[in-house]
Amino acid sequence: MTAVKSLVLMVLLLAGMAAIGITGCKIRGVDPRLNDLSLACVVALAAATLALIPALLQRNVAQTAGMFQASLIGTVFHLGLILAAGLILVMTKRATTPFVLWLLGAYWATLIGLCVVFAKLIRSAPTPAKK
């Protein structure tokens, strides 16, 4: 899977999460806070993009175990980036509770997309030669 296809998948998942969340807010009569939603989506998309780098660098050289390790590093990197960005924005009083809730949804949406991409990359990695 190419980097462009991976990013398109992330954008589609974030759009689906946003549509479901906005619909839920409208049904409940709650303001969806679209500024917080857009900020959370930008943070999650940036984290997912950076989390793809280790696996995409290993794509043509690593065997299955190396690709698995790169994918694991990517998911941990994704979690760390979203956590750091969320903490920075909350501690500087630039984000509120709705931002944190939107960020939680965006994290899970992009994590699902990352797992799909990583699973395809692991399956396509070359296996070691048998002796």
Protein backbone atom coordinates (compact mmCIF):
# COMPACT_ATOMS: atom_id res chain seq x y z
CA MET A 1 0.00 0.00 0.00
CA THR A 2 1.42 3.36 -0.98
CA ALA A 3 1.69 6.40 1.24
CA VAL A 4 -0.95 8.27 -0.76
CA LYS A 5 -3.47 5.43 -0.45
CA SER A 6 -2.75 5.26 3.27
CA LEU A 7 -3.39 8.97 3.72
CA VAL A 8 -6.60 8.78 1.69
CA LEU A 9 -7.75 5.96 3.96
CA MET A 10 -6.98 8.08 7.05
CA VAL A 11 -8.88 11.07 5.65
CA LEU A 12 -11.90 8.88 4.83
CA LEU A 13 -11.90 7.38 8.31
CA LEU A 14 -11.66 10.80 9.92
CA ALA A 15 -14.48 12.08 7.72
CA GLY A 16 -16.63 9.12 8.75
CA MET A 17 -15.84 9.68 12.43
CA ALA A 18 -16.69 13.37 12.07
CA ALA A 19 -19.97 12.64 10.27
CA ILE A 20 -21.05 10.15 12.93
CA GLY A 21 -20.03 12.51 15.73
CA ILE A 22 -21.73 15.56 14.24
CA THR A 23 -24.89 13.54 13.61
CA GLY A 24 -24.87 12.35 17.21
CA CYS A 25 -24.42 15.91 18.46
CA LYS A 26 -27.27 17.19 16.28
CA ILE A 27 -29.59 14.42 17.48
CA ARG A 28 -28.80 15.25 21.12
CA GLY A 29 -29.09 18.99 20.49
CA VAL A 30 -25.47 19.66 21.46
CA ASP A 31 -23.11 22.08 19.73
CA PRO A 32 -20.53 19.90 17.88
CA ARG A 33 -17.78 22.54 18.25
CA LEU A 34 -16.47 22.28 14.70
CA ASN A 35 -13.30 24.23 15.55
CA ASP A 36 -12.33 21.57 18.08
CA LEU A 37 -13.26 18.85 15.61
CA SER A 38 -11.07 20.28 12.86
CA LEU A 39 -8.13 20.77 15.23
CA ALA A 40 -8.44 17.20 16.49
CA CYS A 41 -8.57 15.86 12.93
CA VAL A 42 -5.46 17.83 11.93
CA VAL A 43 -3.56 16.56 14.97
CA ALA A 44 -4.63 12.95 14.35
CA LEU A 45 -3.83 13.10 10.63
CA ALA A 46 -0.39 14.57 11.32
CA ALA A 47 0.32 11.88 13.92
CA ALA A 48 -0.87 9.12 11.59
CA THR A 49 1.26 10.46 8.76
CA LEU A 50 4.36 10.51 10.93
CA ALA A 51 3.53 7.05 12.31
CA LEU A 52 3.63 5.60 8.79
CA ILE A 53 7.25 6.61 8.25
CA PRO A 54 9.01 3.67 10.03
CA ALA A 55 6.99 1.03 8.17
CA LEU A 56 7.23 2.76 4.80
CA LEU A 57 11.01 3.05 5.16
CA GLN A 58 11.22 -0.69 5.85
CA ARG A 59 8.79 -1.62 3.08
CA ASN A 60 11.29 -2.98 0.52
CA VAL A 61 14.14 -4.10 2.76
CA ALA A 62 12.67 -5.72 5.86
CA GLN A 63 11.47 -9.24 6.29
CA THR A 64 8.25 -10.04 8.11
CA ALA A 65 9.73 -9.61 11.60
CA GLY A 66 11.34 -6.28 10.70
CA MET A 67 8.11 -5.01 9.20
CA PHE A 68 6.23 -6.10 12.32
CA GLN A 69 8.67 -4.20 14.52
CA ALA A 70 8.42 -1.09 12.34
CA SER A 71 4.62 -1.30 12.54
CA LEU A 72 4.72 -1.62 16.32
CA ILE A 73 7.01 1.40 16.53
CA GLY A 74 4.58 3.29 14.29
CA THR A 75 1.59 2.59 16.53
CA VAL A 76 3.50 3.60 19.65
CA PHE A 77 4.72 6.73 17.86
CA HIS A 78 1.10 7.51 16.87
CA LEU A 79 -0.07 7.23 20.48
CA GLY A 80 2.82 9.34 21.77
CA LEU A 81 2.32 12.12 19.24
CA ILE A 82 -1.41 12.39 19.88
CA LEU A 83 -0.88 12.30 23.63
CA ALA A 84 1.84 14.97 23.47
CA ALA A 85 -0.17 17.25 21.18
CA GLY A 86 -3.27 16.86 23.34
CA LEU A 87 -1.36 17.61 26.53
CA ILE A 88 0.34 20.66 25.04
CA LEU A 89 -2.93 22.09 23.77
CA VAL A 90 -4.78 21.41 27.01
CA MET A 91 -1.99 22.74 29.24
CA THR A 92 -1.71 25.96 27.24
CA LYS A 93 -5.49 26.46 27.61
CA ARG A 94 -5.98 26.37 23.83
CA ALA A 95 -8.16 23.27 23.98
CA THR A 96 -11.22 22.33 25.98
CA THR A 97 -13.05 19.14 26.87
CA PRO A 98 -14.80 18.87 23.47
CA PHE A 99 -11.36 18.91 21.80
CA VAL A 100 -10.19 16.03 23.97
CA LEU A 101 -13.32 14.03 23.15
CA TRP A 102 -12.95 14.70 19.41
CA LEU A 103 -9.25 13.80 19.67
CA LEU A 104 -10.16 10.49 21.29
CA GLY A 105 -12.45 9.63 18.40
CA ALA A 106 -9.88 10.77 15.86
CA TYR A 107 -7.20 8.67 17.58
CA TRP A 108 -9.26 5.51 17.31
CA ALA A 109 -10.24 6.21 13.69
CA THR A 110 -6.65 6.72 12.61
CA LEU A 111 -5.43 3.77 14.70
CA ILE A 112 -7.84 1.50 12.83
CA GLY A 113 -6.51 2.87 9.54
CA LEU A 114 -2.91 2.40 10.64
CA CYS A 115 -3.57 -1.19 11.66
CA VAL A 116 -5.10 -1.93 8.25
CA VAL A 117 -2.12 -0.39 6.47
CA PHE A 118 0.40 -2.13 8.71
CA ALA A 119 -1.32 -5.50 8.30
CA LYS A 120 -1.11 -5.17 4.50
CA LEU A 121 2.55 -4.19 4.71
CA ILE A 122 3.34 -7.13 7.00
CA ARG A 123 1.55 -9.56 4.69
CA SER A 124 3.45 -8.24 1.68
CA ALA A 125 6.86 -8.38 3.39
CA PRO A 126 9.21 -11.09 2.14
CA THR A 127 9.56 -14.16 4.31
CA PRO A 128 12.99 -15.50 5.24
CA ALA A 129 14.40 -18.35 3.17
CA LYS A 130 13.99 -21.79 4.72
CA LYS A 131 17.09 -23.88 5.30
